[in-house]
Amino acid sequence: MIGVLDIGGTSIKYGVLASSDSSCQFLFHGEKDSDAKVIQGPGIVKKAADIIRELMQRYAIQGIAVSTAGMVDAGTGTVLYANENIPQYTGTRLKEIMVREFGLPCWVENDVNAAALGEYYYGSGRGCSSMLMLTVGTGIGGAVVLQGDIYRGYSNSAGEVGYMWLDGQHFQDMASTTALVRRTEERLNETGLNGRIIFERAQQGDIRYQEEIAVLSDYLAKGISSCVCLLNPQLVVLGGGIMVQRKYLEPLIKDRMRKYMNPEMFRHTELAFARLGNKAGMAGAYACYQKKEGYL
């Protein structure tokens, strides 16, 4: 059995999967607040280790798979960089710590890459040869999967599409959920909005909210189209909390992709929405472990 962790600035998700489970069925899963800004990097590591220790009391854990926020060297399992969401986390040798603590094989992957691997092997990407995944939330994360492996680039920053320049700003400053909320609040002189409220009011017929969602869809389509020109993926998968609004967003985004993309590229690019929800990171960490250990 494999113990899996998905470490974020807000919460730590955790679970257990069978060692050779090709369908990624969780035997158990749970979630705890990470309190990352309070306990910081060293506290996060201790909390993660405590979770594994608890799992080992109930299950015959044979390995550890970790998805974590931050830029990660997947070979050494080191957090190369983490922002202010988890202070004092940069430089954490997570794999080394877990192996030393438990004497079990451990593999560590960046959270966006892990979510992409989860969707590729167990979700919307099953059966495709190449996939781009975008996670739309506070910012925009990206990951590229080619023939079952993450394409990392020269310095491990491939897929960082949120920083792509678009209409004079970074892509994520135009097309994230944060950007949608900011523009809508500024237009309506309101505070306290979020994605759920904006979509509810749009679906109730308020044209102002509908127009702001249309702006978001337009920026998303522009960014997707630029990525497709470079990568030519078989599949583009959209994830993040806002993408539960698939029925609303899909026709808007596809219509604008058709506008911005070469017709031949558009014809050969499939758009899909993530299926695994908040288990994607854990599923991808598990896929990473299976690949590294030679099971997948």
C-alpha atoms as a PDB file:
ATOM      1  CA  MET A   1       0.000   0.000   0.000  1.00  0.00           C
ATOM      2  CA  ILE A   2       1.148   3.532  -0.822  1.00  0.00           C
ATOM      3  CA  GLY A   3       0.651   6.527   1.445  1.00  0.00           C
ATOM      4  CA  VAL A   4      -0.017   9.667  -0.593  1.00  0.00           C
ATOM      5  CA  LEU A   5       0.175  13.333   0.420  1.00  0.00           C
ATOM      6  CA  ASP A   6      -0.844  16.535  -1.359  1.00  0.00           C
ATOM      7  CA  ILE A   7       0.742  19.443   0.497  1.00  0.00           C
ATOM      8  CA  GLY A   8      -0.628  22.945  -0.087  1.00  0.00           C
ATOM      9  CA  GLY A   9      -0.635  26.279   1.646  1.00  0.00           C
ATOM     10  CA  THR A  10      -4.218  25.778   2.846  1.00  0.00           C
ATOM     11  CA  SER A  11      -4.517  22.052   3.461  1.00  0.00           C
ATOM     12  CA  ILE A  12      -2.757  18.691   3.363  1.00  0.00           C
ATOM     13  CA  LYS A  13      -4.770  15.973   1.648  1.00  0.00           C
ATOM     14  CA  TYR A  14      -3.725  12.403   2.304  1.00  0.00           C
ATOM     15  CA  GLY A  15      -4.764   8.876   1.470  1.00  0.00           C
ATOM     16  CA  VAL A  16      -3.846   5.255   0.867  1.00  0.00           C
ATOM     17  CA  LEU A  17      -3.886   3.315  -2.401  1.00  0.00           C
ATOM     18  CA  ALA A  18      -3.077  -0.310  -3.202  1.00  0.00           C
ATOM     19  CA  SER A  19       0.482  -0.764  -4.447  1.00  0.00           C
ATOM     20  CA  SER A  20      -0.528  -2.056  -7.892  1.00  0.00           C
ATOM     21  CA  ASP A  21      -3.886  -0.349  -8.337  1.00  0.00           C
ATOM     22  CA  SER A  22      -4.237   0.674 -12.005  1.00  0.00           C
ATOM     23  CA  SER A  23      -7.636   2.302 -11.402  1.00  0.00           C
ATOM     24  CA  CYS A  24      -6.481   4.590  -8.574  1.00  0.00           C
ATOM     25  CA  GLN A  25      -9.167   3.621  -6.073  1.00  0.00           C
ATOM     26  CA  PHE A  26      -8.519   5.112  -2.659  1.00  0.00           C
ATOM     27  CA  LEU A  27      -8.722   2.767   0.310  1.00  0.00           C
ATOM     28  CA  PHE A  28      -8.855   5.851   2.521  1.00  0.00           C
ATOM     29  CA  HIS A  29      -8.508   9.601   2.154  1.00  0.00           C
ATOM     30  CA  GLY A  30      -8.710  12.644   4.406  1.00  0.00           C
ATOM     31  CA  GLU A  31      -7.700  16.274   4.745  1.00  0.00           C
ATOM     32  CA  LYS A  32      -6.222  18.547   7.413  1.00  0.00           C
ATOM     33  CA  ASP A  33      -5.594  22.283   7.565  1.00  0.00           C
ATOM     34  CA  SER A  34      -1.946  22.922   6.845  1.00  0.00           C
ATOM     35  CA  ASP A  35      -1.657  26.160   8.882  1.00  0.00           C
ATOM     36  CA  ALA A  36       1.329  26.788   6.636  1.00  0.00           C
ATOM     37  CA  LYS A  37       1.842  30.468   7.378  1.00  0.00           C
ATOM     38  CA  VAL A  38       1.879  29.733  11.104  1.00  0.00           C
ATOM     39  CA  ILE A  39       3.937  26.542  11.356  1.00  0.00           C
ATOM     40  CA  GLN A  40       5.954  27.300   8.172  1.00  0.00           C
ATOM     41  CA  GLY A  41       8.092  24.852   6.234  1.00  0.00           C
ATOM     42  CA  PRO A  42       9.587  22.857   9.128  1.00  0.00           C
ATOM     43  CA  GLY A  43       6.147  22.523  10.717  1.00  0.00           C
ATOM     44  CA  ILE A  44       4.660  21.349   7.418  1.00  0.00           C
ATOM     45  CA  VAL A  45       7.290  18.627   7.169  1.00  0.00           C
ATOM     46  CA  LYS A  46       6.554  17.493  10.728  1.00  0.00           C
ATOM     47  CA  LYS A  47       2.802  17.465  10.074  1.00  0.00           C
ATOM     48  CA  ALA A  48       3.296  15.448   6.873  1.00  0.00           C
ATOM     49  CA  ALA A  49       5.487  12.934   8.715  1.00  0.00           C
ATOM     50  CA  ASP A  50       2.920  12.664  11.510  1.00  0.00           C
ATOM     51  CA  ILE A  51       0.222  11.861   8.933  1.00  0.00           C
ATOM     52  CA  ILE A  52       2.340   9.085   7.405  1.00  0.00           C
ATOM     53  CA  ARG A  53       2.997   7.748  10.900  1.00  0.00           C
ATOM     54  CA  GLU A  54      -0.751   7.651  11.579  1.00  0.00           C
ATOM     55  CA  LEU A  55      -1.404   5.863   8.286  1.00  0.00           C
ATOM     56  CA  MET A  56       1.252   3.261   9.106  1.00  0.00           C
ATOM     57  CA  GLN A  57      -0.609   2.385  12.287  1.00  0.00           C
ATOM     58  CA  ARG A  58      -3.644   1.380  10.209  1.00  0.00           C
ATOM     59  CA  TYR A  59      -2.190   0.193   6.891  1.00  0.00           C
ATOM     60  CA  ALA A  60       0.858  -1.758   5.714  1.00  0.00           C
ATOM     61  CA  ILE A  61       2.448   1.243   3.980  1.00  0.00           C
ATOM     62  CA  GLN A  62       5.218   0.212   1.558  1.00  0.00           C
ATOM     63  CA  GLY A  63       6.024   3.584  -0.008  1.00  0.00           C
ATOM     64  CA  ILE A  64       5.311   7.317   0.114  1.00  0.00           C
ATOM     65  CA  ALA A  65       4.165   9.545  -2.750  1.00  0.00           C
ATOM     66  CA  VAL A  66       4.044  13.320  -2.319  1.00  0.00           C
ATOM     67  CA  SER A  67       2.541  16.160  -4.326  1.00  0.00           C
ATOM     68  CA  THR A  68       3.570  19.557  -3.010  1.00  0.00           C
ATOM     69  CA  ALA A  69       3.285  23.243  -3.740  1.00  0.00           C
ATOM     70  CA  GLY A  70       6.471  24.875  -4.983  1.00  0.00           C
ATOM     71  CA  MET A  71       9.040  24.217  -7.685  1.00  0.00           C
ATOM     72  CA  VAL A  72      10.366  20.689  -7.199  1.00  0.00           C
ATOM     73  CA  ASP A  73      13.396  18.735  -8.347  1.00  0.00           C
ATOM     74  CA  ALA A  74      11.583  15.446  -8.880  1.00  0.00           C
ATOM     75  CA  GLY A  75      14.844  13.487  -8.935  1.00  0.00           C
ATOM     76  CA  THR A  76      16.101  14.553  -5.520  1.00  0.00           C
ATOM     77  CA  GLY A  77      12.687  15.365  -4.064  1.00  0.00           C
ATOM     78  CA  THR A  78      13.850  18.842  -3.073  1.00  0.00           C
ATOM     79  CA  VAL A  79      11.632  21.942  -2.965  1.00  0.00           C
ATOM     80  CA  LEU A  80      13.646  24.358  -5.102  1.00  0.00           C
ATOM     81  CA  TYR A  81      11.381  27.335  -4.464  1.00  0.00           C
ATOM     82  CA  ALA A  82       8.204  28.056  -2.508  1.00  0.00           C
ATOM     83  CA  ASN A  83       6.405  31.381  -2.261  1.00  0.00           C
ATOM     84  CA  GLU A  84       5.001  33.150   0.783  1.00  0.00           C
ATOM     85  CA  ASN A  85       2.125  30.664   1.078  1.00  0.00           C
ATOM     86  CA  ILE A  86       4.567  28.283   2.802  1.00  0.00           C
ATOM     87  CA  PRO A  87       7.349  30.330   4.423  1.00  0.00           C
ATOM     88  CA  GLN A  88      10.743  28.690   5.021  1.00  0.00           C
ATOM     89  CA  TYR A  89       9.900  25.795   2.699  1.00  0.00           C
ATOM     90  CA  THR A  90      12.410  26.603  -0.054  1.00  0.00           C
ATOM     91  CA  GLY A  91      15.306  24.152   0.023  1.00  0.00           C
ATOM     92  CA  THR A  92      13.424  21.450   1.961  1.00  0.00           C
ATOM     93  CA  ARG A  93      14.822  18.020   1.035  1.00  0.00           C
ATOM     94  CA  LEU A  94      11.465  16.316   1.428  1.00  0.00           C
ATOM     95  CA  LYS A  95      12.342  12.968  -0.108  1.00  0.00           C
ATOM     96  CA  GLU A  96      15.523  12.656   1.931  1.00  0.00           C
ATOM     97  CA  ILE A  97      13.664  13.461   5.146  1.00  0.00           C
ATOM     98  CA  MET A  98      10.906  10.913   4.493  1.00  0.00           C
ATOM     99  CA  VAL A  99      13.323   8.139   3.511  1.00  0.00           C
ATOM    100  CA  ARG A 100      15.439   8.791   6.604  1.00  0.00           C
ATOM    101  CA  GLU A 101      12.379   8.920   8.870  1.00  0.00           C
ATOM    102  CA  PHE A 102      10.548   5.840   7.584  1.00  0.00           C
ATOM    103  CA  GLY A 103      13.018   3.770   5.574  1.00  0.00           C
ATOM    104  CA  LEU A 104      10.547   3.579   2.683  1.00  0.00           C
ATOM    105  CA  PRO A 105      10.877   4.616  -0.977  1.00  0.00           C
ATOM    106  CA  CYS A 106       9.521   8.125  -1.512  1.00  0.00           C
ATOM    107  CA  TRP A 107       8.961  10.238  -4.613  1.00  0.00           C
ATOM    108  CA  VAL A 108       8.010  13.912  -4.679  1.00  0.00           C
ATOM    109  CA  GLU A 109       6.384  15.947  -7.471  1.00  0.00           C
ATOM    110  CA  ASN A 110       5.160  19.522  -7.911  1.00  0.00           C
ATOM    111  CA  ASP A 111       1.414  19.831  -7.296  1.00  0.00           C
ATOM    112  CA  VAL A 112       0.449  21.075 -10.777  1.00  0.00           C
ATOM    113  CA  ASN A 113       2.569  18.412 -12.450  1.00  0.00           C
ATOM    114  CA  ALA A 114       1.038  15.815 -10.160  1.00  0.00           C
ATOM    115  CA  ALA A 115      -2.505  16.929 -10.980  1.00  0.00           C
ATOM    116  CA  ALA A 116      -1.641  16.655 -14.675  1.00  0.00           C
ATOM    117  CA  LEU A 117      -0.243  13.139 -14.240  1.00  0.00           C
ATOM    118  CA  GLY A 118      -3.341  12.170 -12.268  1.00  0.00           C
ATOM    119  CA  GLU A 119      -5.636  13.349 -15.045  1.00  0.00           C
ATOM    120  CA  TYR A 120      -3.415  11.790 -17.727  1.00  0.00           C
ATOM    121  CA  TYR A 121      -3.393   8.314 -16.193  1.00  0.00           C
ATOM    122  CA  TYR A 122      -6.698   8.162 -14.326  1.00  0.00           C
ATOM    123  CA  GLY A 123      -8.908  11.038 -15.511  1.00  0.00           C
ATOM    124  CA  SER A 124      -9.725  13.035 -18.621  1.00  0.00           C
ATOM    125  CA  GLY A 125      -6.389  12.323 -20.280  1.00  0.00           C
ATOM    126  CA  ARG A 126      -6.574   8.536 -20.349  1.00  0.00           C
ATOM    127  CA  GLY A 127      -5.558   7.209 -23.747  1.00  0.00           C
ATOM    128  CA  CYS A 128      -4.073  10.408 -25.163  1.00  0.00           C
ATOM    129  CA  SER A 129      -0.444  10.803 -26.232  1.00  0.00           C
ATOM    130  CA  SER A 130       0.145  14.440 -25.282  1.00  0.00           C
ATOM    131  CA  MET A 131      -1.664  16.767 -22.905  1.00  0.00           C
ATOM    132  CA  LEU A 132      -1.508  20.306 -21.617  1.00  0.00           C
ATOM    133  CA  MET A 133      -3.202  20.933 -18.279  1.00  0.00           C
ATOM    134  CA  LEU A 134      -4.079  24.372 -16.953  1.00  0.00           C
ATOM    135  CA  THR A 135      -5.271  24.845 -13.385  1.00  0.00           C
ATOM    136  CA  VAL A 136      -7.203  28.074 -13.025  1.00  0.00           C
ATOM    137  CA  GLY A 137      -7.517  29.523  -9.536  1.00  0.00           C
ATOM    138  CA  THR A 138      -5.585  32.127  -7.568  1.00  0.00           C
ATOM    139  CA  GLY A 139      -3.161  32.087 -10.507  1.00  0.00           C
ATOM    140  CA  ILE A 140      -2.788  29.773 -13.478  1.00  0.00           C
ATOM    141  CA  GLY A 141      -0.593  26.705 -13.246  1.00  0.00           C
ATOM    142  CA  GLY A 142       0.406  24.624 -16.226  1.00  0.00           C
ATOM    143  CA  ALA A 143       1.933  21.237 -16.961  1.00  0.00           C
ATOM    144  CA  VAL A 144       2.845  19.423 -20.168  1.00  0.00           C
ATOM    145  CA  VAL A 145       2.644  15.614 -20.397  1.00  0.00           C
ATOM    146  CA  LEU A 146       4.346  13.929 -23.352  1.00  0.00           C
ATOM    147  CA  GLN A 147       4.074  10.154 -23.772  1.00  0.00           C
ATOM    148  CA  GLY A 148       3.336   9.720 -20.082  1.00  0.00           C
ATOM    149  CA  ASP A 149       6.092  11.949 -18.699  1.00  0.00           C
ATOM    150  CA  ILE A 150       6.162  15.549 -17.513  1.00  0.00           C
ATOM    151  CA  TYR A 151       8.148  17.783 -19.846  1.00  0.00           C
ATOM    152  CA  ARG A 152      10.220  19.869 -17.444  1.00  0.00           C
ATOM    153  CA  GLY A 153      12.363  22.055 -19.684  1.00  0.00           C
ATOM    154  CA  TYR A 154      15.968  23.115 -19.207  1.00  0.00           C
ATOM    155  CA  SER A 155      15.593  24.503 -15.670  1.00  0.00           C
ATOM    156  CA  ASN A 156      12.415  22.725 -14.488  1.00  0.00           C
ATOM    157  CA  SER A 157      10.116  25.639 -15.382  1.00  0.00           C
ATOM    158  CA  ALA A 158       8.371  24.290 -18.488  1.00  0.00           C
ATOM    159  CA  GLY A 159       4.616  24.724 -18.236  1.00  0.00           C
ATOM    160  CA  GLU A 160       4.741  27.935 -16.174  1.00  0.00           C
ATOM    161  CA  VAL A 161       2.184  29.443 -18.533  1.00  0.00           C
ATOM    162  CA  GLY A 162       0.782  31.773 -15.882  1.00  0.00           C
ATOM    163  CA  TYR A 163       3.775  34.026 -16.556  1.00  0.00           C
ATOM    164  CA  MET A 164       3.229  34.066 -20.319  1.00  0.00           C
ATOM    165  CA  TRP A 165       2.830  37.633 -21.614  1.00  0.00           C
ATOM    166  CA  LEU A 166      -0.669  38.320 -22.933  1.00  0.00           C
ATOM    167  CA  ASP A 167      -2.133  41.682 -23.932  1.00  0.00           C
ATOM    168  CA  GLY A 168       0.413  43.576 -21.869  1.00  0.00           C
ATOM    169  CA  GLN A 169       0.114  41.485 -18.693  1.00  0.00           C
ATOM    170  CA  HIS A 170       0.852  38.020 -17.425  1.00  0.00           C
ATOM    171  CA  PHE A 171      -1.690  35.401 -18.512  1.00  0.00           C
ATOM    172  CA  GLN A 172      -2.699  34.656 -14.919  1.00  0.00           C
ATOM    173  CA  ASP A 173      -3.291  38.339 -14.221  1.00  0.00           C
ATOM    174  CA  MET A 174      -5.932  38.296 -16.968  1.00  0.00           C
ATOM    175  CA  ALA A 175      -7.434  34.806 -16.959  1.00  0.00           C
ATOM    176  CA  SER A 176      -7.380  33.499 -13.368  1.00  0.00           C
ATOM    177  CA  THR A 177     -10.325  33.327 -11.001  1.00  0.00           C
ATOM    178  CA  THR A 178      -8.601  36.097  -9.041  1.00  0.00           C
ATOM    179  CA  ALA A 179      -8.677  38.294 -12.157  1.00  0.00           C
ATOM    180  CA  LEU A 180     -12.368  37.529 -12.761  1.00  0.00           C
ATOM    181  CA  VAL A 181     -13.247  38.530  -9.191  1.00  0.00           C
ATOM    182  CA  ARG A 182     -11.102  41.673  -9.311  1.00  0.00           C
ATOM    183  CA  ARG A 183     -12.599  42.939 -12.572  1.00  0.00           C
ATOM    184  CA  THR A 184     -16.148  42.192 -11.477  1.00  0.00           C
ATOM    185  CA  GLU A 185     -15.729  43.907  -8.101  1.00  0.00           C
ATOM    186  CA  GLU A 186     -14.175  46.958  -9.761  1.00  0.00           C
ATOM    187  CA  ARG A 187     -16.959  47.179 -12.339  1.00  0.00           C
ATOM    188  CA  LEU A 188     -19.794  46.784  -9.847  1.00  0.00           C
ATOM    189  CA  ASN A 189     -18.117  48.550  -6.925  1.00  0.00           C
ATOM    190  CA  GLU A 190     -18.664  45.479  -4.747  1.00  0.00           C
ATOM    191  CA  THR A 191     -16.537  43.491  -2.322  1.00  0.00           C
ATOM    192  CA  GLY A 192     -16.721  39.914  -1.079  1.00  0.00           C
ATOM    193  CA  LEU A 193     -17.362  38.298  -4.452  1.00  0.00           C
ATOM    194  CA  ASN A 194     -15.967  34.924  -5.481  1.00  0.00           C
ATOM    195  CA  GLY A 195     -16.250  32.640  -8.476  1.00  0.00           C
ATOM    196  CA  ARG A 196     -19.295  30.795  -7.159  1.00  0.00           C
ATOM    197  CA  ILE A 197     -21.257  33.994  -6.552  1.00  0.00           C
ATOM    198  CA  ILE A 198     -20.342  35.418  -9.962  1.00  0.00           C
ATOM    199  CA  PHE A 199     -21.543  32.312 -11.794  1.00  0.00           C
ATOM    200  CA  GLU A 200     -24.726  32.107  -9.717  1.00  0.00           C
ATOM    201  CA  ARG A 201     -25.661  35.676 -10.613  1.00  0.00           C
ATOM    202  CA  ALA A 202     -24.745  35.146 -14.259  1.00  0.00           C
ATOM    203  CA  GLN A 203     -26.995  32.086 -14.400  1.00  0.00           C
ATOM    204  CA  GLN A 204     -29.776  34.141 -12.813  1.00  0.00           C
ATOM    205  CA  GLY A 205     -29.602  36.402 -15.874  1.00  0.00           C
ATOM    206  CA  ASP A 206     -27.499  39.370 -14.742  1.00  0.00           C
ATOM    207  CA  ILE A 207     -25.791  40.481 -17.936  1.00  0.00           C
ATOM    208  CA  ARG A 208     -22.977  42.284 -16.098  1.00  0.00           C
ATOM    209  CA  TYR A 209     -21.732  39.044 -14.586  1.00  0.00           C
ATOM    210  CA  GLN A 210     -22.252  37.240 -17.890  1.00  0.00           C
ATOM    211  CA  GLU A 211     -20.092  39.825 -19.632  1.00  0.00           C
ATOM    212  CA  GLU A 212     -17.264  39.415 -17.117  1.00  0.00           C
ATOM    213  CA  ILE A 213     -17.301  35.641 -17.541  1.00  0.00           C
ATOM    214  CA  ALA A 214     -17.177  36.185 -21.297  1.00  0.00           C
ATOM    215  CA  VAL A 215     -14.074  38.352 -20.822  1.00  0.00           C
ATOM    216  CA  LEU A 216     -12.461  35.595 -18.757  1.00  0.00           C
ATOM    217  CA  SER A 217     -13.311  33.012 -21.422  1.00  0.00           C
ATOM    218  CA  ASP A 218     -11.786  35.214 -24.089  1.00  0.00           C
ATOM    219  CA  TYR A 219      -8.491  35.546 -22.209  1.00  0.00           C
ATOM    220  CA  LEU A 220      -8.414  31.816 -21.468  1.00  0.00           C
ATOM    221  CA  ALA A 221      -8.934  31.031 -25.153  1.00  0.00           C
ATOM    222  CA  LYS A 222      -6.138  33.411 -26.162  1.00  0.00           C
ATOM    223  CA  GLY A 223      -3.727  31.762 -23.756  1.00  0.00           C
ATOM    224  CA  ILE A 224      -4.749  28.258 -24.761  1.00  0.00           C
ATOM    225  CA  SER A 225      -4.381  29.128 -28.431  1.00  0.00           C
ATOM    226  CA  SER A 226      -0.856  30.451 -27.887  1.00  0.00           C
ATOM    227  CA  CYS A 227       0.128  27.281 -26.036  1.00  0.00           C
ATOM    228  CA  VAL A 228      -1.332  25.093 -28.782  1.00  0.00           C
ATOM    229  CA  CYS A 229       0.686  26.931 -31.438  1.00  0.00           C
ATOM    230  CA  LEU A 230       3.870  25.938 -29.633  1.00  0.00           C
ATOM    231  CA  LEU A 231       3.027  22.500 -28.234  1.00  0.00           C
ATOM    232  CA  ASN A 232       0.337  21.034 -30.512  1.00  0.00           C
ATOM    233  CA  PRO A 233      -1.056  18.807 -27.726  1.00  0.00           C
ATOM    234  CA  GLN A 234      -3.733  16.245 -28.452  1.00  0.00           C
ATOM    235  CA  LEU A 235      -5.681  17.384 -25.403  1.00  0.00           C
ATOM    236  CA  VAL A 236      -6.021  20.505 -23.261  1.00  0.00           C
ATOM    237  CA  VAL A 237      -7.459  19.833 -19.787  1.00  0.00           C
ATOM    238  CA  LEU A 238      -8.817  22.660 -17.638  1.00  0.00           C
ATOM    239  CA  GLY A 239      -8.825  22.229 -13.881  1.00  0.00           C
ATOM    240  CA  GLY A 240      -9.280  24.334 -10.759  1.00  0.00           C
ATOM    241  CA  GLY A 241     -12.378  25.101  -8.713  1.00  0.00           C
ATOM    242  CA  ILE A 242     -13.980  27.357 -11.304  1.00  0.00           C
ATOM    243  CA  MET A 243     -13.979  24.559 -13.883  1.00  0.00           C
ATOM    244  CA  VAL A 244     -16.877  22.818 -12.162  1.00  0.00           C
ATOM    245  CA  GLN A 245     -18.841  25.320 -14.281  1.00  0.00           C
ATOM    246  CA  ARG A 246     -18.118  23.225 -17.366  1.00  0.00           C
ATOM    247  CA  LYS A 247     -21.564  23.524 -18.933  1.00  0.00           C
ATOM    248  CA  TYR A 248     -21.341  27.308 -18.795  1.00  0.00           C
ATOM    249  CA  LEU A 249     -17.694  27.724 -19.755  1.00  0.00           C
ATOM    250  CA  GLU A 250     -17.089  25.050 -22.371  1.00  0.00           C
ATOM    251  CA  PRO A 251     -19.107  26.582 -25.228  1.00  0.00           C
ATOM    252  CA  LEU A 252     -17.727  30.062 -24.496  1.00  0.00           C
ATOM    253  CA  ILE A 253     -14.108  28.922 -24.480  1.00  0.00           C
ATOM    254  CA  LYS A 254     -14.486  26.683 -27.537  1.00  0.00           C
ATOM    255  CA  ASP A 255     -16.151  29.457 -29.506  1.00  0.00           C
ATOM    256  CA  ARG A 256     -13.258  31.779 -28.791  1.00  0.00           C
ATOM    257  CA  MET A 257     -10.640  29.093 -29.449  1.00  0.00           C
ATOM    258  CA  ARG A 258     -12.189  28.707 -32.876  1.00  0.00           C
ATOM    259  CA  LYS A 259     -11.768  32.459 -33.358  1.00  0.00           C
ATOM    260  CA  TYR A 260      -8.112  32.629 -32.326  1.00  0.00           C
ATOM    261  CA  MET A 261      -6.732  29.317 -33.592  1.00  0.00           C
ATOM    262  CA  ASN A 262      -5.722  28.143 -37.022  1.00  0.00           C
ATOM    263  CA  PRO A 263      -8.666  25.995 -38.273  1.00  0.00           C
ATOM    264  CA  GLU A 264      -6.484  22.903 -38.699  1.00  0.00           C
ATOM    265  CA  MET A 265      -5.038  23.277 -35.183  1.00  0.00           C
ATOM    266  CA  PHE A 266      -8.506  23.796 -33.732  1.00  0.00           C
ATOM    267  CA  ARG A 267      -9.807  20.670 -35.489  1.00  0.00           C
ATOM    268  CA  HIS A 268      -7.066  18.544 -33.949  1.00  0.00           C
ATOM    269  CA  THR A 269      -7.154  19.961 -30.402  1.00  0.00           C
ATOM    270  CA  GLU A 270      -9.566  18.442 -27.909  1.00  0.00           C
ATOM    271  CA  LEU A 271     -10.716  20.458 -24.897  1.00  0.00           C
ATOM    272  CA  ALA A 272     -11.605  18.589 -21.712  1.00  0.00           C
ATOM    273  CA  PHE A 273     -12.277  19.384 -18.077  1.00  0.00           C
ATOM    274  CA  ALA A 274     -10.605  17.726 -15.099  1.00  0.00           C
ATOM    275  CA  ARG A 275     -12.458  14.759 -13.596  1.00  0.00           C
ATOM    276  CA  LEU A 276     -10.553  13.959 -10.420  1.00  0.00           C
ATOM    277  CA  GLY A 277     -11.339  17.103  -8.446  1.00  0.00           C
ATOM    278  CA  ASN A 278      -9.280  17.601  -5.297  1.00  0.00           C
ATOM    279  CA  LYS A 279      -7.868  14.062  -5.520  1.00  0.00           C
ATOM    280  CA  ALA A 280      -5.909  14.851  -8.703  1.00  0.00           C
ATOM    281  CA  GLY A 281      -2.718  15.777  -6.858  1.00  0.00           C
ATOM    282  CA  MET A 282      -2.735  12.597  -4.790  1.00  0.00           C
ATOM    283  CA  ALA A 283      -3.554  10.495  -7.851  1.00  0.00           C
ATOM    284  CA  GLY A 284      -0.679  12.080  -9.746  1.00  0.00           C
ATOM    285  CA  ALA A 285       1.758  11.589  -6.874  1.00  0.00           C
ATOM    286  CA  TYR A 286       0.731   7.927  -6.924  1.00  0.00           C
ATOM    287  CA  ALA A 287       1.284   7.759 -10.710  1.00  0.00           C
ATOM    288  CA  CYS A 288       4.715   9.329 -10.261  1.00  0.00           C
ATOM    289  CA  TYR A 289       5.593   6.756  -7.614  1.00  0.00           C
ATOM    290  CA  GLN A 290       4.363   3.895  -9.811  1.00  0.00           C
ATOM    291  CA  LYS A 291       6.470   5.120 -12.736  1.00  0.00           C
ATOM    292  CA  LYS A 292       9.617   5.652 -10.673  1.00  0.00           C
ATOM    293  CA  GLU A 293       9.293   2.213  -9.067  1.00  0.00           C
ATOM    294  CA  GLY A 294       8.674   0.548 -12.449  1.00  0.00           C
ATOM    295  CA  TYR A 295       5.040  -0.443 -11.970  1.00  0.00           C
ATOM    296  CA  LEU A 296       3.513   1.907 -14.558  1.00  0.00           C
END
